[in-house]
Amino acid sequence: MGHEPQLLVFAVVFLGTRTTAGPWRKLPSYYGVIVDGLKTMSKILVLDDDIDILDIVGLLLKRNNYKYCLISEWELLTTSINSFSPDLILLDITLNGADGRNLCKKLKSSKETKDIPVVLFSAHYNVERALEESMADAFVKKPFEISYLLDTIHKNIA
């Protein structure tokens, strides 16, 4: 049985906590768009195979008026970049079936994506080594402080 990645688009208006039983837990990715007339800022694409991290980062981005696309499968990265046109990519290093450093190198080597800032994040890597190996613009170590993550995003978009 083949696994067809799906992309679900919806408006984020829920401010409570999602349960693990929600149907979106089974989807590999989803878009979040700020609604209710809030002024949106830049668009952030987040790739992490940990759904809990995606939930947390999505909530942070939402509360700070960013548009965002959250994906949990690295195979959707190119399609998501093409359809969402992010201003910044937040990319986990340790992904199921891929290394975020290699994905970042490919993005930075492509004329179509080389100018998109990429912020790597992971719990397992040395900052200097990760930046050197990947050509990333910045690195955030997990677990991260909310203010540091948001400052890093802001500095790399500005």
C-alpha atoms as a PDB file:
ATOM      1  CA  MET A   1       0.000   0.000   0.000  1.00  0.00           C
ATOM      2  CA  GLY A   2       1.500   3.324  -1.085  1.00  0.00           C
ATOM      3  CA  HIS A   3       1.557   6.270   1.268  1.00  0.00           C
ATOM      4  CA  GLU A   4       0.315   9.416  -0.459  1.00  0.00           C
ATOM      5  CA  PRO A   5       1.348  12.578   1.437  1.00  0.00           C
ATOM      6  CA  GLN A   6      -1.601  14.864   2.035  1.00  0.00           C
ATOM      7  CA  LEU A   7      -1.679  18.587   2.650  1.00  0.00           C
ATOM      8  CA  LEU A   8      -4.601  20.033   4.577  1.00  0.00           C
ATOM      9  CA  VAL A   9      -5.259  23.779   4.535  1.00  0.00           C
ATOM     10  CA  PHE A  10      -7.228  25.339   7.367  1.00  0.00           C
ATOM     11  CA  ALA A  11      -7.552  28.511   9.410  1.00  0.00           C
ATOM     12  CA  VAL A  12      -6.160  28.423  12.903  1.00  0.00           C
ATOM     13  CA  VAL A  13      -8.656  29.879  15.348  1.00  0.00           C
ATOM     14  CA  PHE A  14      -8.451  27.378  18.179  1.00  0.00           C
ATOM     15  CA  LEU A  15      -6.585  28.678  21.226  1.00  0.00           C
ATOM     16  CA  GLY A  16      -6.831  25.580  23.436  1.00  0.00           C
ATOM     17  CA  THR A  17      -4.816  22.414  23.535  1.00  0.00           C
ATOM     18  CA  ARG A  18      -5.213  19.771  20.856  1.00  0.00           C
ATOM     19  CA  THR A  19      -5.567  16.179  21.861  1.00  0.00           C
ATOM     20  CA  THR A  20      -3.501  13.405  20.360  1.00  0.00           C
ATOM     21  CA  ALA A  21      -6.722  11.865  19.103  1.00  0.00           C
ATOM     22  CA  GLY A  22      -7.361  14.680  16.610  1.00  0.00           C
ATOM     23  CA  PRO A  23      -7.590  13.637  12.941  1.00  0.00           C
ATOM     24  CA  TRP A  24      -4.794  16.037  11.976  1.00  0.00           C
ATOM     25  CA  ARG A  25      -2.345  13.907  13.973  1.00  0.00           C
ATOM     26  CA  LYS A  26      -2.397  11.411  11.110  1.00  0.00           C
ATOM     27  CA  LEU A  27      -1.581  13.992   8.452  1.00  0.00           C
ATOM     28  CA  PRO A  28       2.031  14.551   7.455  1.00  0.00           C
ATOM     29  CA  SER A  29       1.639  18.337   7.239  1.00  0.00           C
ATOM     30  CA  TYR A  30      -0.705  21.253   7.503  1.00  0.00           C
ATOM     31  CA  TYR A  31      -0.842  24.982   6.974  1.00  0.00           C
ATOM     32  CA  GLY A  32      -1.740  27.451   9.660  1.00  0.00           C
ATOM     33  CA  VAL A  33      -2.984  30.864   8.657  1.00  0.00           C
ATOM     34  CA  ILE A  34      -3.680  33.687  11.053  1.00  0.00           C
ATOM     35  CA  VAL A  35      -7.297  34.872  10.803  1.00  0.00           C
ATOM     36  CA  ASP A  36      -9.651  37.378  12.458  1.00  0.00           C
ATOM     37  CA  GLY A  37      -8.079  40.394  10.794  1.00  0.00           C
ATOM     38  CA  LEU A  38      -4.711  40.079  12.496  1.00  0.00           C
ATOM     39  CA  LYS A  39      -1.890  41.668  10.582  1.00  0.00           C
ATOM     40  CA  THR A  40       0.408  38.879   9.486  1.00  0.00           C
ATOM     41  CA  MET A  41       4.134  39.107   9.235  1.00  0.00           C
ATOM     42  CA  SER A  42       6.478  36.839   7.354  1.00  0.00           C
ATOM     43  CA  LYS A  43       5.839  33.255   6.294  1.00  0.00           C
ATOM     44  CA  ILE A  44       7.698  30.501   8.131  1.00  0.00           C
ATOM     45  CA  LEU A  45       8.022  26.899   6.937  1.00  0.00           C
ATOM     46  CA  VAL A  46       8.778  24.457   9.774  1.00  0.00           C
ATOM     47  CA  LEU A  47       9.989  20.902   9.143  1.00  0.00           C
ATOM     48  CA  ASP A  48      10.243  18.557  12.115  1.00  0.00           C
ATOM     49  CA  ASP A  49       9.172  14.924  12.390  1.00  0.00           C
ATOM     50  CA  ASP A  50       8.164  15.461  16.036  1.00  0.00           C
ATOM     51  CA  ILE A  51       4.478  16.440  16.016  1.00  0.00           C
ATOM     52  CA  ASP A  52       4.722  17.869  19.542  1.00  0.00           C
ATOM     53  CA  ILE A  53       7.484  20.261  18.456  1.00  0.00           C
ATOM     54  CA  LEU A  54       5.371  21.283  15.455  1.00  0.00           C
ATOM     55  CA  ASP A  55       2.434  21.986  17.786  1.00  0.00           C
ATOM     56  CA  ILE A  56       4.573  24.169  20.060  1.00  0.00           C
ATOM     57  CA  VAL A  57       6.282  26.076  17.247  1.00  0.00           C
ATOM     58  CA  GLY A  58       2.958  26.537  15.426  1.00  0.00           C
ATOM     59  CA  LEU A  59       1.423  28.031  18.564  1.00  0.00           C
ATOM     60  CA  LEU A  60       4.398  30.376  19.030  1.00  0.00           C
ATOM     61  CA  LEU A  61       4.259  31.526  15.426  1.00  0.00           C
ATOM     62  CA  LYS A  62       0.498  32.001  15.586  1.00  0.00           C
ATOM     63  CA  ARG A  63       0.705  34.087  18.748  1.00  0.00           C
ATOM     64  CA  ASN A  64       3.359  36.254  17.116  1.00  0.00           C
ATOM     65  CA  ASN A  65       1.313  36.861  13.957  1.00  0.00           C
ATOM     66  CA  TYR A  66       3.371  34.798  11.521  1.00  0.00           C
ATOM     67  CA  LYS A  67       1.896  32.791   8.687  1.00  0.00           C
ATOM     68  CA  TYR A  68       3.275  29.292   8.829  1.00  0.00           C
ATOM     69  CA  CYS A  69       3.373  25.894   7.193  1.00  0.00           C
ATOM     70  CA  LEU A  70       4.172  22.905   9.398  1.00  0.00           C
ATOM     71  CA  ILE A  71       5.389  19.695   7.795  1.00  0.00           C
ATOM     72  CA  SER A  72       6.486  16.471   9.419  1.00  0.00           C
ATOM     73  CA  GLU A  73       7.813  14.626   6.357  1.00  0.00           C
ATOM     74  CA  TRP A  74      10.991  15.795   4.661  1.00  0.00           C
ATOM     75  CA  GLU A  75       9.714  14.537   1.297  1.00  0.00           C
ATOM     76  CA  LEU A  76       7.211  17.433   1.308  1.00  0.00           C
ATOM     77  CA  LEU A  77       9.882  20.122   1.665  1.00  0.00           C
ATOM     78  CA  THR A  78      10.246  21.078  -2.010  1.00  0.00           C
ATOM     79  CA  THR A  79       6.507  21.003  -2.686  1.00  0.00           C
ATOM     80  CA  SER A  80       5.837  23.091   0.412  1.00  0.00           C
ATOM     81  CA  ILE A  81       8.486  25.649  -0.538  1.00  0.00           C
ATOM     82  CA  ASN A  82       6.994  25.968  -4.014  1.00  0.00           C
ATOM     83  CA  SER A  83       3.411  26.331  -2.822  1.00  0.00           C
ATOM     84  CA  PHE A  84       3.970  28.365   0.371  1.00  0.00           C
ATOM     85  CA  SER A  85       6.941  30.578  -0.678  1.00  0.00           C
ATOM     86  CA  PRO A  86       8.393  30.935   2.827  1.00  0.00           C
ATOM     87  CA  ASP A  87      10.448  33.880   4.022  1.00  0.00           C
ATOM     88  CA  LEU A  88      12.328  31.556   6.399  1.00  0.00           C
ATOM     89  CA  ILE A  89      12.679  27.807   6.944  1.00  0.00           C
ATOM     90  CA  LEU A  90      13.020  26.306  10.414  1.00  0.00           C
ATOM     91  CA  LEU A  91      14.552  22.874   9.832  1.00  0.00           C
ATOM     92  CA  ASP A  92      15.236  20.040  12.261  1.00  0.00           C
ATOM     93  CA  ILE A  93      18.529  18.211  11.750  1.00  0.00           C
ATOM     94  CA  THR A  94      17.486  14.743  12.861  1.00  0.00           C
ATOM     95  CA  LEU A  95      14.657  13.651  10.588  1.00  0.00           C
ATOM     96  CA  ASN A  96      13.261  10.208   9.904  1.00  0.00           C
ATOM     97  CA  GLY A  97      15.030   9.195   6.690  1.00  0.00           C
ATOM     98  CA  ALA A  98      16.979  12.409   6.095  1.00  0.00           C
ATOM     99  CA  ASP A  99      19.595  14.711   7.583  1.00  0.00           C
ATOM    100  CA  GLY A 100      18.494  18.334   7.859  1.00  0.00           C
ATOM    101  CA  ARG A 101      22.073  19.516   7.269  1.00  0.00           C
ATOM    102  CA  ASN A 102      22.081  17.861   3.838  1.00  0.00           C
ATOM    103  CA  LEU A 103      18.644  19.270   3.028  1.00  0.00           C
ATOM    104  CA  CYS A 104      19.888  22.717   4.009  1.00  0.00           C
ATOM    105  CA  LYS A 105      22.985  22.351   1.809  1.00  0.00           C
ATOM    106  CA  LYS A 106      20.768  21.474  -1.147  1.00  0.00           C
ATOM    107  CA  LEU A 107      18.549  24.485  -0.482  1.00  0.00           C
ATOM    108  CA  LYS A 108      21.542  26.814  -0.186  1.00  0.00           C
ATOM    109  CA  SER A 109      23.064  25.366  -3.379  1.00  0.00           C
ATOM    110  CA  SER A 110      19.955  25.940  -5.472  1.00  0.00           C
ATOM    111  CA  LYS A 111      19.475  29.302  -7.185  1.00  0.00           C
ATOM    112  CA  GLU A 112      15.724  29.116  -6.466  1.00  0.00           C
ATOM    113  CA  THR A 113      16.105  28.697  -2.690  1.00  0.00           C
ATOM    114  CA  LYS A 114      19.583  29.995  -1.802  1.00  0.00           C
ATOM    115  CA  ASP A 115      18.268  33.322  -0.517  1.00  0.00           C
ATOM    116  CA  ILE A 116      15.712  31.819   1.884  1.00  0.00           C
ATOM    117  CA  PRO A 117      17.160  31.976   5.401  1.00  0.00           C
ATOM    118  CA  VAL A 118      17.386  28.542   7.032  1.00  0.00           C
ATOM    119  CA  VAL A 119      17.497  28.121  10.802  1.00  0.00           C
ATOM    120  CA  LEU A 120      18.492  24.629  11.909  1.00  0.00           C
ATOM    121  CA  PHE A 121      17.326  23.292  15.228  1.00  0.00           C
ATOM    122  CA  SER A 122      18.211  20.122  17.086  1.00  0.00           C
ATOM    123  CA  ALA A 123      19.085  18.730  20.494  1.00  0.00           C
ATOM    124  CA  HIS A 124      22.044  16.673  19.289  1.00  0.00           C
ATOM    125  CA  TYR A 125      24.497  18.925  17.504  1.00  0.00           C
ATOM    126  CA  ASN A 126      27.298  21.350  18.125  1.00  0.00           C
ATOM    127  CA  VAL A 127      26.272  24.814  16.897  1.00  0.00           C
ATOM    128  CA  GLU A 128      29.461  25.684  15.027  1.00  0.00           C
ATOM    129  CA  ARG A 129      29.742  22.280  13.396  1.00  0.00           C
ATOM    130  CA  ALA A 130      26.085  22.227  12.320  1.00  0.00           C
ATOM    131  CA  LEU A 131      26.343  25.691  10.751  1.00  0.00           C
ATOM    132  CA  GLU A 132      29.599  24.856   8.998  1.00  0.00           C
ATOM    133  CA  GLU A 133      28.340  21.542   7.613  1.00  0.00           C
ATOM    134  CA  SER A 134      25.010  22.849   6.381  1.00  0.00           C
ATOM    135  CA  MET A 135      25.489  26.463   5.198  1.00  0.00           C
ATOM    136  CA  ALA A 136      22.566  27.389   7.486  1.00  0.00           C
ATOM    137  CA  ASP A 137      21.986  30.985   8.547  1.00  0.00           C
ATOM    138  CA  ALA A 138      21.478  30.173  12.236  1.00  0.00           C
ATOM    139  CA  PHE A 139      21.083  27.364  14.745  1.00  0.00           C
ATOM    140  CA  VAL A 140      18.736  26.936  17.717  1.00  0.00           C
ATOM    141  CA  LYS A 141      19.471  24.184  20.228  1.00  0.00           C
ATOM    142  CA  LYS A 142      16.551  22.160  21.607  1.00  0.00           C
ATOM    143  CA  PRO A 143      15.121  22.549  24.100  1.00  0.00           C
ATOM    144  CA  PHE A 144      14.906  26.188  23.115  1.00  0.00           C
ATOM    145  CA  GLU A 145      13.899  29.286  24.979  1.00  0.00           C
ATOM    146  CA  ILE A 146      10.877  30.853  23.317  1.00  0.00           C
ATOM    147  CA  SER A 147      12.404  34.326  23.246  1.00  0.00           C
ATOM    148  CA  TYR A 148      15.616  33.014  21.674  1.00  0.00           C
ATOM    149  CA  LEU A 149      13.755  31.130  18.944  1.00  0.00           C
ATOM    150  CA  LEU A 150      11.592  34.161  18.116  1.00  0.00           C
ATOM    151  CA  ASP A 151      14.618  36.531  18.175  1.00  0.00           C
ATOM    152  CA  THR A 152      16.514  34.193  15.849  1.00  0.00           C
ATOM    153  CA  ILE A 153      13.578  34.070  13.423  1.00  0.00           C
ATOM    154  CA  HIS A 154      13.151  37.841  13.517  1.00  0.00           C
ATOM    155  CA  LYS A 155      16.883  38.549  13.004  1.00  0.00           C
ATOM    156  CA  ASN A 156      17.074  36.241  10.005  1.00  0.00           C
ATOM    157  CA  ILE A 157      13.989  37.631   8.302  1.00  0.00           C
ATOM    158  CA  ALA A 158      14.766  41.313   8.859  1.00  0.00           C
END
